[in-house]
Amino acid sequence: QFLDLCTHLTGEHPEVVPFLCSRHRKTSASFLSSAEFHNVLSRCLGRVRLRRHKVYVYINELCTTLKAHTLRRKLPLTPLPSAAPHPHPAPAPDPAPDPSTSTSSSPSGSKRQIRYLENLLRVYTGEIRRLQERELDLEELDSEDSAYLQESRLKRRLMRIFGRLCELKRCSSLTGRVMEQRIPYRGTRYPEVNRRVERFINRPDVFPDYGDVLKVIQKANGRHRLGLARKHMESMAQDAFREVGNRLQERRHLDLVYNFGSHLTDQYRPGTDPALGDPELAKRLRRNRTLALSRLDQVISHYA
């Protein structure tokens, strides 16, 4: 259906549809049979039907997605034939390339890669937003292609693309989140211990317990020969664990407050609550809240 519609709308440029077909042939079969491809194709088909004057935009979007899943073919390496010696003198070496031409030609390829990755980011972002707007019913919970799992896979791919884009642009991949901010530690009067504890707590995906902090202090004591007694190290570990745990917990809480939400609620304003203008709806919501609190108390009292 998509090809028939595009063939009808791109009559002035007959080379567009063959190019799209070639992209389709080069795409991996696993992606063509996945739910992700069917979702992208149905979305592009629906948009073309609604906005036929933008058919080339949606064809380009589909080609970008297909190109991201193109099969990589490795060319066989054949040994070069050995050349027989000849009496002619060796040719003069090629002149050194002009640095101005080399520097001007190299950014062109990187710019093309950057544009391609930025376009791919936009495609993945739009697909993630569309999956977030879908309803997840009970039948999809056990499915390997549920909207939630598709969204998770797309987000992982998007993060890899974002990292590669930062490498090409030679810029930092830090986004400014609270979780990315380094936590300094100066809880003891020993700089060697402070450095090791600070290095340990700022490792990614680490929330240490008391034993981890104690091991770090013991290693610092043995490495730098601080001569700390066992009870002293245990006391230092307890104080460090309390301080570090509170600061890590506070950082995670702030990160959740600043980043929690969805684009579906970005347009919400307190004055737009439908319950404010509907007394019957407000009464039903209050009744449901009272019922929920009473049932929660029953569960707590039953298992307490």
C-alpha atoms as a PDB file:
ATOM      1  CA  GLN A   1       0.000   0.000   0.000  1.00  0.00           C
ATOM      2  CA  PHE A   2       2.807   2.405   0.826  1.00  0.00           C
ATOM      3  CA  LEU A   3       4.604   1.735  -2.469  1.00  0.00           C
ATOM      4  CA  ASP A   4       1.415   2.100  -4.500  1.00  0.00           C
ATOM      5  CA  LEU A   5       0.620   5.394  -2.834  1.00  0.00           C
ATOM      6  CA  CYS A   6       4.173   6.702  -3.253  1.00  0.00           C
ATOM      7  CA  THR A   7       4.257   5.631  -6.912  1.00  0.00           C
ATOM      8  CA  HIS A   8       1.117   7.640  -7.542  1.00  0.00           C
ATOM      9  CA  LEU A   9       2.381  10.729  -5.681  1.00  0.00           C
ATOM     10  CA  THR A  10       5.971  10.749  -7.009  1.00  0.00           C
ATOM     11  CA  GLY A  11       5.211  10.555 -10.719  1.00  0.00           C
ATOM     12  CA  GLU A  12       7.393  13.590 -11.409  1.00  0.00           C
ATOM     13  CA  HIS A  13      10.412  11.813  -9.900  1.00  0.00           C
ATOM     14  CA  PRO A  14      10.245   8.149 -10.958  1.00  0.00           C
ATOM     15  CA  GLU A  15      13.644   7.366  -9.424  1.00  0.00           C
ATOM     16  CA  VAL A  16      12.356   7.732  -5.843  1.00  0.00           C
ATOM     17  CA  VAL A  17      10.420   4.455  -5.616  1.00  0.00           C
ATOM     18  CA  PRO A  18      13.255   2.278  -7.062  1.00  0.00           C
ATOM     19  CA  PHE A  19      15.619   3.859  -4.539  1.00  0.00           C
ATOM     20  CA  LEU A  20      13.206   2.995  -1.728  1.00  0.00           C
ATOM     21  CA  CYS A  21      12.945  -0.581  -3.012  1.00  0.00           C
ATOM     22  CA  SER A  22      16.733  -0.913  -3.079  1.00  0.00           C
ATOM     23  CA  ARG A  23      16.894   0.245   0.532  1.00  0.00           C
ATOM     24  CA  HIS A  24      14.265  -2.331   1.407  1.00  0.00           C
ATOM     25  CA  ARG A  25      16.233  -5.146  -0.259  1.00  0.00           C
ATOM     26  CA  LYS A  26      19.416  -4.239   1.618  1.00  0.00           C
ATOM     27  CA  THR A  27      17.696  -4.231   5.014  1.00  0.00           C
ATOM     28  CA  SER A  28      18.109  -7.185   7.357  1.00  0.00           C
ATOM     29  CA  ALA A  29      15.278  -9.705   7.372  1.00  0.00           C
ATOM     30  CA  SER A  30      15.064  -9.703  11.168  1.00  0.00           C
ATOM     31  CA  PHE A  31      14.224  -6.006  11.200  1.00  0.00           C
ATOM     32  CA  LEU A  32      11.712  -6.318   8.350  1.00  0.00           C
ATOM     33  CA  SER A  33       9.818  -8.972  10.309  1.00  0.00           C
ATOM     34  CA  SER A  34       9.893  -7.029  13.585  1.00  0.00           C
ATOM     35  CA  ALA A  35       7.047  -5.073  15.086  1.00  0.00           C
ATOM     36  CA  GLU A  36       9.210  -1.950  15.079  1.00  0.00           C
ATOM     37  CA  PHE A  37       9.384  -1.897  11.275  1.00  0.00           C
ATOM     38  CA  HIS A  38       5.638  -2.457  10.934  1.00  0.00           C
ATOM     39  CA  ASN A  39       4.988   0.398  13.357  1.00  0.00           C
ATOM     40  CA  VAL A  40       7.266   2.764  11.432  1.00  0.00           C
ATOM     41  CA  LEU A  41       5.730   1.738   8.109  1.00  0.00           C
ATOM     42  CA  SER A  42       2.143   2.151   9.321  1.00  0.00           C
ATOM     43  CA  ARG A  43       2.984   5.540  10.820  1.00  0.00           C
ATOM     44  CA  CYS A  44       4.569   6.760   7.561  1.00  0.00           C
ATOM     45  CA  LEU A  45       1.611   5.429   5.573  1.00  0.00           C
ATOM     46  CA  GLY A  46      -0.857   7.254   7.787  1.00  0.00           C
ATOM     47  CA  ARG A  47       1.084  10.500   7.558  1.00  0.00           C
ATOM     48  CA  VAL A  48       1.353  10.312   3.777  1.00  0.00           C
ATOM     49  CA  ARG A  49      -2.404   9.831   3.512  1.00  0.00           C
ATOM     50  CA  LEU A  50      -3.009  12.886   5.684  1.00  0.00           C
ATOM     51  CA  ARG A  51      -0.302  15.134   4.189  1.00  0.00           C
ATOM     52  CA  ARG A  52       0.349  14.091   0.632  1.00  0.00           C
ATOM     53  CA  HIS A  53       2.393  17.189  -0.135  1.00  0.00           C
ATOM     54  CA  LYS A  54       5.043  15.924   2.345  1.00  0.00           C
ATOM     55  CA  VAL A  55       5.422  12.490   0.788  1.00  0.00           C
ATOM     56  CA  TYR A  56       9.153  12.991   0.158  1.00  0.00           C
ATOM     57  CA  VAL A  57       9.736  13.860   3.813  1.00  0.00           C
ATOM     58  CA  TYR A  58       8.165  10.605   4.994  1.00  0.00           C
ATOM     59  CA  ILE A  59       9.939   8.568   2.312  1.00  0.00           C
ATOM     60  CA  ASN A  60      13.232  10.020   3.522  1.00  0.00           C
ATOM     61  CA  GLU A  61      12.293   9.148   7.104  1.00  0.00           C
ATOM     62  CA  LEU A  62      11.576   5.542   6.117  1.00  0.00           C
ATOM     63  CA  CYS A  63      14.816   5.318   4.116  1.00  0.00           C
ATOM     64  CA  THR A  64      16.762   6.592   7.121  1.00  0.00           C
ATOM     65  CA  THR A  65      15.284   3.868   9.311  1.00  0.00           C
ATOM     66  CA  LEU A  66      16.020   1.190   6.706  1.00  0.00           C
ATOM     67  CA  LYS A  67      19.578   2.430   6.289  1.00  0.00           C
ATOM     68  CA  ALA A  68      20.162   2.092  10.034  1.00  0.00           C
ATOM     69  CA  HIS A  69      19.409  -1.644   9.727  1.00  0.00           C
ATOM     70  CA  THR A  70      21.240  -2.334   6.474  1.00  0.00           C
ATOM     71  CA  LEU A  71      23.096  -5.628   6.176  1.00  0.00           C
ATOM     72  CA  ARG A  72      26.839  -5.164   6.418  1.00  0.00           C
ATOM     73  CA  ARG A  73      28.557  -7.209   3.752  1.00  0.00           C
ATOM     74  CA  LYS A  74      32.222  -8.039   4.080  1.00  0.00           C
ATOM     75  CA  LEU A  75      34.182  -8.131   0.842  1.00  0.00           C
ATOM     76  CA  PRO A  76      36.519 -11.124   0.426  1.00  0.00           C
ATOM     77  CA  LEU A  77      40.170 -10.227   0.651  1.00  0.00           C
ATOM     78  CA  THR A  78      42.160 -11.451  -2.344  1.00  0.00           C
ATOM     79  CA  PRO A  79      45.971 -11.352  -2.344  1.00  0.00           C
ATOM     80  CA  LEU A  80      47.569  -8.987  -4.788  1.00  0.00           C
ATOM     81  CA  PRO A  81      49.457 -10.655  -7.659  1.00  0.00           C
ATOM     82  CA  SER A  82      53.200 -10.445  -7.255  1.00  0.00           C
ATOM     83  CA  ALA A  83      54.663  -8.107  -9.814  1.00  0.00           C
ATOM     84  CA  ALA A  84      57.631  -9.335 -11.824  1.00  0.00           C
ATOM     85  CA  PRO A  85      60.789  -7.243 -11.536  1.00  0.00           C
ATOM     86  CA  HIS A  86      61.410  -4.907 -14.421  1.00  0.00           C
ATOM     87  CA  PRO A  87      64.433  -2.839 -15.317  1.00  0.00           C
ATOM     88  CA  HIS A  88      62.610   0.455 -15.339  1.00  0.00           C
ATOM     89  CA  PRO A  89      63.504   2.794 -12.500  1.00  0.00           C
ATOM     90  CA  ALA A  90      61.076   3.205  -9.675  1.00  0.00           C
ATOM     91  CA  PRO A  91      58.629   6.027 -10.223  1.00  0.00           C
ATOM     92  CA  ALA A  92      59.067   9.178  -8.261  1.00  0.00           C
ATOM     93  CA  PRO A  93      57.050   9.296  -5.047  1.00  0.00           C
ATOM     94  CA  ASP A  94      53.793  11.155  -5.167  1.00  0.00           C
ATOM     95  CA  PRO A  95      53.940  14.676  -3.844  1.00  0.00           C
ATOM     96  CA  ALA A  96      52.747  15.129  -0.301  1.00  0.00           C
ATOM     97  CA  PRO A  97      49.075  16.014  -0.154  1.00  0.00           C
ATOM     98  CA  ASP A  98      48.238  19.585   0.512  1.00  0.00           C
ATOM     99  CA  PRO A  99      47.153  19.913   4.159  1.00  0.00           C
ATOM    100  CA  SER A 100      44.556  22.477   3.196  1.00  0.00           C
ATOM    101  CA  THR A 101      42.812  20.038   0.859  1.00  0.00           C
ATOM    102  CA  SER A 102      42.972  17.171   3.362  1.00  0.00           C
ATOM    103  CA  THR A 103      41.498  19.239   6.154  1.00  0.00           C
ATOM    104  CA  SER A 104      38.780  20.584   3.903  1.00  0.00           C
ATOM    105  CA  SER A 105      37.795  17.142   2.588  1.00  0.00           C
ATOM    106  CA  SER A 106      37.695  15.281   5.922  1.00  0.00           C
ATOM    107  CA  PRO A 107      35.002  17.401   7.598  1.00  0.00           C
ATOM    108  CA  SER A 108      32.646  16.842   4.654  1.00  0.00           C
ATOM    109  CA  GLY A 109      32.332  13.153   5.471  1.00  0.00           C
ATOM    110  CA  SER A 110      31.920  13.802   9.192  1.00  0.00           C
ATOM    111  CA  LYS A 111      29.301  16.462   8.520  1.00  0.00           C
ATOM    112  CA  ARG A 112      27.382  13.973   6.436  1.00  0.00           C
ATOM    113  CA  GLN A 113      27.567  11.435   9.265  1.00  0.00           C
ATOM    114  CA  ILE A 114      26.451  14.043  11.779  1.00  0.00           C
ATOM    115  CA  ARG A 115      23.443  15.003   9.665  1.00  0.00           C
ATOM    116  CA  TYR A 116      22.528  11.350   9.242  1.00  0.00           C
ATOM    117  CA  LEU A 117      22.753  10.619  12.980  1.00  0.00           C
ATOM    118  CA  GLU A 118      20.803  13.754  13.883  1.00  0.00           C
ATOM    119  CA  ASN A 119      18.063  12.738  11.464  1.00  0.00           C
ATOM    120  CA  LEU A 120      18.084   9.242  12.961  1.00  0.00           C
ATOM    121  CA  LEU A 121      17.727  10.730  16.439  1.00  0.00           C
ATOM    122  CA  ARG A 122      14.653  12.648  15.310  1.00  0.00           C
ATOM    123  CA  VAL A 123      13.127   9.498  13.830  1.00  0.00           C
ATOM    124  CA  TYR A 124      13.745   7.468  16.994  1.00  0.00           C
ATOM    125  CA  THR A 125      12.466  10.283  19.204  1.00  0.00           C
ATOM    126  CA  GLY A 126       9.228  10.467  17.243  1.00  0.00           C
ATOM    127  CA  GLU A 127       8.787   6.699  17.404  1.00  0.00           C
ATOM    128  CA  ILE A 128       9.412   6.684  21.176  1.00  0.00           C
ATOM    129  CA  ARG A 129       6.816   9.409  21.681  1.00  0.00           C
ATOM    130  CA  ARG A 130       4.317   7.433  19.620  1.00  0.00           C
ATOM    131  CA  LEU A 131       4.934   4.278  21.672  1.00  0.00           C
ATOM    132  CA  GLN A 132       4.492   6.235  24.898  1.00  0.00           C
ATOM    133  CA  GLU A 133       1.073   7.359  23.713  1.00  0.00           C
ATOM    134  CA  ARG A 134      -0.119   3.793  23.103  1.00  0.00           C
ATOM    135  CA  GLU A 135      -2.223   1.984  25.663  1.00  0.00           C
ATOM    136  CA  LEU A 136      -0.663  -1.145  27.184  1.00  0.00           C
ATOM    137  CA  ASP A 137      -3.339  -3.771  27.798  1.00  0.00           C
ATOM    138  CA  LEU A 138      -3.037  -6.941  29.863  1.00  0.00           C
ATOM    139  CA  GLU A 139      -2.582  -9.177  26.822  1.00  0.00           C
ATOM    140  CA  GLU A 140       0.636  -7.362  25.881  1.00  0.00           C
ATOM    141  CA  LEU A 141       2.329  -7.872  29.250  1.00  0.00           C
ATOM    142  CA  ASP A 142       3.706 -11.290  28.243  1.00  0.00           C
ATOM    143  CA  SER A 143       4.544 -10.257  24.682  1.00  0.00           C
ATOM    144  CA  GLU A 144       8.155  -9.768  23.604  1.00  0.00           C
ATOM    145  CA  ASP A 145       7.056  -6.984  21.242  1.00  0.00           C
ATOM    146  CA  SER A 146       4.951  -4.972  23.660  1.00  0.00           C
ATOM    147  CA  ALA A 147       5.017  -1.204  23.386  1.00  0.00           C
ATOM    148  CA  TYR A 148       6.969  -0.948  26.638  1.00  0.00           C
ATOM    149  CA  LEU A 149       9.765  -3.285  25.456  1.00  0.00           C
ATOM    150  CA  GLN A 150       9.917  -1.622  22.041  1.00  0.00           C
ATOM    151  CA  GLU A 151      10.302   1.736  23.752  1.00  0.00           C
ATOM    152  CA  SER A 152      13.095   0.364  25.945  1.00  0.00           C
ATOM    153  CA  ARG A 153      14.990  -1.025  22.946  1.00  0.00           C
ATOM    154  CA  LEU A 154      14.628   2.223  21.021  1.00  0.00           C
ATOM    155  CA  LYS A 155      15.903   4.229  23.986  1.00  0.00           C
ATOM    156  CA  ARG A 156      19.017   2.053  24.225  1.00  0.00           C
ATOM    157  CA  ARG A 157      19.669   2.543  20.508  1.00  0.00           C
ATOM    158  CA  LEU A 158      19.043   6.261  20.854  1.00  0.00           C
ATOM    159  CA  MET A 159      21.631   6.507  23.637  1.00  0.00           C
ATOM    160  CA  ARG A 160      24.204   4.676  21.508  1.00  0.00           C
ATOM    161  CA  ILE A 161      23.504   7.025  18.602  1.00  0.00           C
ATOM    162  CA  PHE A 162      23.786  10.013  20.933  1.00  0.00           C
ATOM    163  CA  GLY A 163      27.156   8.781  22.209  1.00  0.00           C
ATOM    164  CA  ARG A 164      28.438   8.295  18.669  1.00  0.00           C
ATOM    165  CA  LEU A 165      27.169  11.752  17.710  1.00  0.00           C
ATOM    166  CA  CYS A 166      29.060  13.298  20.618  1.00  0.00           C
ATOM    167  CA  GLU A 167      32.223  11.521  19.466  1.00  0.00           C
ATOM    168  CA  LEU A 168      31.870  12.905  15.948  1.00  0.00           C
ATOM    169  CA  LYS A 169      31.209  16.405  17.263  1.00  0.00           C
ATOM    170  CA  ARG A 170      34.030  16.035  19.808  1.00  0.00           C
ATOM    171  CA  CYS A 171      31.832  17.276  22.615  1.00  0.00           C
ATOM    172  CA  SER A 172      30.953  15.933  26.030  1.00  0.00           C
ATOM    173  CA  SER A 173      28.089  13.466  26.355  1.00  0.00           C
ATOM    174  CA  LEU A 174      27.063  14.893  29.736  1.00  0.00           C
ATOM    175  CA  THR A 175      23.489  16.164  29.726  1.00  0.00           C
ATOM    176  CA  GLY A 176      23.561  18.209  32.943  1.00  0.00           C
ATOM    177  CA  ARG A 177      21.507  15.790  35.023  1.00  0.00           C
ATOM    178  CA  VAL A 178      21.974  15.768  38.782  1.00  0.00           C
ATOM    179  CA  MET A 179      23.106  12.132  38.599  1.00  0.00           C
ATOM    180  CA  GLU A 180      26.097  13.210  36.506  1.00  0.00           C
ATOM    181  CA  GLN A 181      27.356  15.704  39.081  1.00  0.00           C
ATOM    182  CA  ARG A 182      30.381  14.534  41.035  1.00  0.00           C
ATOM    183  CA  ILE A 183      30.033  14.246  44.819  1.00  0.00           C
ATOM    184  CA  PRO A 184      33.098  15.518  46.709  1.00  0.00           C
ATOM    185  CA  TYR A 185      34.001  13.844  49.985  1.00  0.00           C
ATOM    186  CA  ARG A 186      36.060  15.450  52.756  1.00  0.00           C
ATOM    187  CA  GLY A 187      34.699  13.551  55.737  1.00  0.00           C
ATOM    188  CA  THR A 188      38.013  12.487  57.296  1.00  0.00           C
ATOM    189  CA  ARG A 189      41.289  14.221  58.043  1.00  0.00           C
ATOM    190  CA  TYR A 190      43.169  11.763  55.817  1.00  0.00           C
ATOM    191  CA  PRO A 191      43.341  12.935  52.167  1.00  0.00           C
ATOM    192  CA  GLU A 192      44.246   9.416  51.006  1.00  0.00           C
ATOM    193  CA  VAL A 193      41.037   7.999  52.478  1.00  0.00           C
ATOM    194  CA  ASN A 194      38.960  10.885  51.147  1.00  0.00           C
ATOM    195  CA  ARG A 195      40.250  10.396  47.601  1.00  0.00           C
ATOM    196  CA  ARG A 196      39.523   6.669  47.593  1.00  0.00           C
ATOM    197  CA  VAL A 197      36.037   7.074  49.054  1.00  0.00           C
ATOM    198  CA  GLU A 198      35.230   9.878  46.605  1.00  0.00           C
ATOM    199  CA  ARG A 199      36.472   7.837  43.658  1.00  0.00           C
ATOM    200  CA  PHE A 200      34.403   4.853  44.774  1.00  0.00           C
ATOM    201  CA  ILE A 201      31.086   6.648  45.349  1.00  0.00           C
ATOM    202  CA  ASN A 202      31.278   8.458  41.996  1.00  0.00           C
ATOM    203  CA  ARG A 203      31.452   5.250  40.003  1.00  0.00           C
ATOM    204  CA  PRO A 204      28.367   4.779  37.798  1.00  0.00           C
ATOM    205  CA  ASP A 205      25.498   2.707  39.210  1.00  0.00           C
ATOM    206  CA  VAL A 206      27.069   2.347  42.658  1.00  0.00           C
ATOM    207  CA  PHE A 207      25.224   2.668  45.951  1.00  0.00           C
ATOM    208  CA  PRO A 208      27.709   1.332  48.541  1.00  0.00           C
ATOM    209  CA  ASP A 209      26.880  -0.347  51.819  1.00  0.00           C
ATOM    210  CA  TYR A 210      28.836  -0.257  55.059  1.00  0.00           C
ATOM    211  CA  GLY A 211      31.060  -3.188  54.077  1.00  0.00           C
ATOM    212  CA  ASP A 212      32.086  -1.531  50.809  1.00  0.00           C
ATOM    213  CA  VAL A 213      33.098   1.696  52.553  1.00  0.00           C
ATOM    214  CA  LEU A 214      35.032  -0.239  55.200  1.00  0.00           C
ATOM    215  CA  LYS A 215      36.969  -2.151  52.527  1.00  0.00           C
ATOM    216  CA  VAL A 216      37.872   1.111  50.781  1.00  0.00           C
ATOM    217  CA  ILE A 217      39.214   2.571  54.034  1.00  0.00           C
ATOM    218  CA  GLN A 218      41.154  -0.609  54.809  1.00  0.00           C
ATOM    219  CA  LYS A 219      42.760  -0.576  51.354  1.00  0.00           C
ATOM    220  CA  ALA A 220      43.736   3.074  51.766  1.00  0.00           C
ATOM    221  CA  ASN A 221      45.204   2.297  55.181  1.00  0.00           C
ATOM    222  CA  GLY A 222      47.276  -0.591  53.837  1.00  0.00           C
ATOM    223  CA  ARG A 223      48.364   1.187  50.661  1.00  0.00           C
ATOM    224  CA  HIS A 224      49.498   4.425  52.284  1.00  0.00           C
ATOM    225  CA  ARG A 225      50.561   2.908  55.647  1.00  0.00           C
ATOM    226  CA  LEU A 226      48.402   5.201  57.728  1.00  0.00           C
ATOM    227  CA  GLY A 227      48.603   2.966  60.800  1.00  0.00           C
ATOM    228  CA  LEU A 228      44.889   3.197  61.637  1.00  0.00           C
ATOM    229  CA  ALA A 229      43.492   0.870  64.278  1.00  0.00           C
ATOM    230  CA  ARG A 230      40.629  -1.465  63.450  1.00  0.00           C
ATOM    231  CA  LYS A 231      38.100   0.298  65.687  1.00  0.00           C
ATOM    232  CA  HIS A 232      39.134   3.642  64.259  1.00  0.00           C
ATOM    233  CA  MET A 233      38.563   2.407  60.709  1.00  0.00           C
ATOM    234  CA  GLU A 234      35.165   0.974  61.655  1.00  0.00           C
ATOM    235  CA  SER A 235      34.148   4.286  63.220  1.00  0.00           C
ATOM    236  CA  MET A 236      35.327   6.172  60.121  1.00  0.00           C
ATOM    237  CA  ALA A 237      33.426   3.735  57.882  1.00  0.00           C
ATOM    238  CA  GLN A 238      30.199   4.246  59.836  1.00  0.00           C
ATOM    239  CA  ASP A 239      30.426   8.035  59.614  1.00  0.00           C
ATOM    240  CA  ALA A 240      31.393   7.923  55.933  1.00  0.00           C
ATOM    241  CA  PHE A 241      28.591   5.482  55.123  1.00  0.00           C
ATOM    242  CA  ARG A 242      25.964   7.716  56.739  1.00  0.00           C
ATOM    243  CA  GLU A 243      27.202  10.860  54.996  1.00  0.00           C
ATOM    244  CA  VAL A 244      27.706   9.204  51.612  1.00  0.00           C
ATOM    245  CA  GLY A 245      24.358   7.395  51.765  1.00  0.00           C
ATOM    246  CA  ASN A 246      22.475  10.598  52.561  1.00  0.00           C
ATOM    247  CA  ARG A 247      24.145  12.515  49.742  1.00  0.00           C
ATOM    248  CA  LEU A 248      23.604   9.758  47.186  1.00  0.00           C
ATOM    249  CA  GLN A 249      19.976   9.437  48.225  1.00  0.00           C
ATOM    250  CA  GLU A 250      19.487  13.190  47.972  1.00  0.00           C
ATOM    251  CA  ARG A 251      21.072  13.235  44.516  1.00  0.00           C
ATOM    252  CA  ARG A 252      18.811  10.446  43.272  1.00  0.00           C
ATOM    253  CA  HIS A 253      15.762  12.184  44.712  1.00  0.00           C
ATOM    254  CA  LEU A 254      16.610  15.481  43.005  1.00  0.00           C
ATOM    255  CA  ASP A 255      17.271  13.689  39.723  1.00  0.00           C
ATOM    256  CA  LEU A 256      13.857  12.034  39.955  1.00  0.00           C
ATOM    257  CA  VAL A 257      12.135  15.337  40.736  1.00  0.00           C
ATOM    258  CA  TYR A 258      13.796  17.158  37.836  1.00  0.00           C
ATOM    259  CA  ASN A 259      13.382  14.412  35.212  1.00  0.00           C
ATOM    260  CA  PHE A 260      10.236  12.527  36.175  1.00  0.00           C
ATOM    261  CA  GLY A 261       7.330  13.034  33.818  1.00  0.00           C
ATOM    262  CA  SER A 262       6.191  12.558  30.247  1.00  0.00           C
ATOM    263  CA  HIS A 263       5.539  14.704  27.218  1.00  0.00           C
ATOM    264  CA  LEU A 264       1.893  13.699  27.586  1.00  0.00           C
ATOM    265  CA  THR A 265       1.618  15.900  30.689  1.00  0.00           C
ATOM    266  CA  ASP A 266       3.736  18.836  29.471  1.00  0.00           C
ATOM    267  CA  GLN A 267       0.650  20.817  28.485  1.00  0.00           C
ATOM    268  CA  TYR A 268      -1.084  20.268  31.821  1.00  0.00           C
ATOM    269  CA  ARG A 269      -1.947  23.339  33.864  1.00  0.00           C
ATOM    270  CA  PRO A 270      -3.587  23.302  37.313  1.00  0.00           C
ATOM    271  CA  GLY A 271      -6.519  25.335  36.033  1.00  0.00           C
ATOM    272  CA  THR A 272      -7.326  22.768  33.330  1.00  0.00           C
ATOM    273  CA  ASP A 273      -8.328  19.994  35.757  1.00  0.00           C
ATOM    274  CA  PRO A 274     -11.723  18.731  34.507  1.00  0.00           C
ATOM    275  CA  ALA A 275     -12.781  17.974  38.081  1.00  0.00           C
ATOM    276  CA  LEU A 276     -12.787  21.711  38.874  1.00  0.00           C
ATOM    277  CA  GLY A 277     -15.680  22.305  36.499  1.00  0.00           C
ATOM    278  CA  ASP A 278     -17.534  19.029  37.053  1.00  0.00           C
ATOM    279  CA  PRO A 279     -18.915  18.586  40.604  1.00  0.00           C
ATOM    280  CA  GLU A 280     -20.035  15.023  39.892  1.00  0.00           C
ATOM    281  CA  LEU A 281     -16.538  14.012  38.758  1.00  0.00           C
ATOM    282  CA  ALA A 282     -14.940  15.696  41.781  1.00  0.00           C
ATOM    283  CA  LYS A 283     -17.344  13.859  44.105  1.00  0.00           C
ATOM    284  CA  ARG A 284     -16.522  10.516  42.488  1.00  0.00           C
ATOM    285  CA  LEU A 285     -12.779  11.147  42.769  1.00  0.00           C
ATOM    286  CA  ARG A 286     -13.078  11.991  46.475  1.00  0.00           C
ATOM    287  CA  ARG A 287     -15.125   8.850  47.047  1.00  0.00           C
ATOM    288  CA  ASN A 288     -12.542   6.707  45.243  1.00  0.00           C
ATOM    289  CA  ARG A 289      -9.727   8.255  47.271  1.00  0.00           C
ATOM    290  CA  THR A 290     -11.509   7.509  50.546  1.00  0.00           C
ATOM    291  CA  LEU A 291     -12.128   3.927  49.429  1.00  0.00           C
ATOM    292  CA  ALA A 292      -8.492   3.470  48.377  1.00  0.00           C
ATOM    293  CA  LEU A 293      -7.166   4.747  51.714  1.00  0.00           C
ATOM    294  CA  SER A 294      -9.497   2.474  53.676  1.00  0.00           C
ATOM    295  CA  ARG A 295      -8.451  -0.583  51.668  1.00  0.00           C
ATOM    296  CA  LEU A 296      -4.799   0.318  52.106  1.00  0.00           C
ATOM    297  CA  ASP A 297      -5.302   0.494  55.883  1.00  0.00           C
ATOM    298  CA  GLN A 298      -6.945  -2.933  55.786  1.00  0.00           C
ATOM    299  CA  VAL A 299      -3.976  -4.453  53.965  1.00  0.00           C
ATOM    300  CA  ILE A 300      -1.476  -2.869  56.362  1.00  0.00           C
ATOM    301  CA  SER A 301      -3.403  -4.010  59.455  1.00  0.00           C
ATOM    302  CA  HIS A 302      -3.774  -7.520  58.009  1.00  0.00           C
ATOM    303  CA  TYR A 303      -0.044  -8.042  57.391  1.00  0.00           C
ATOM    304  CA  ALA A 304       1.285  -5.954  60.288  1.00  0.00           C
END
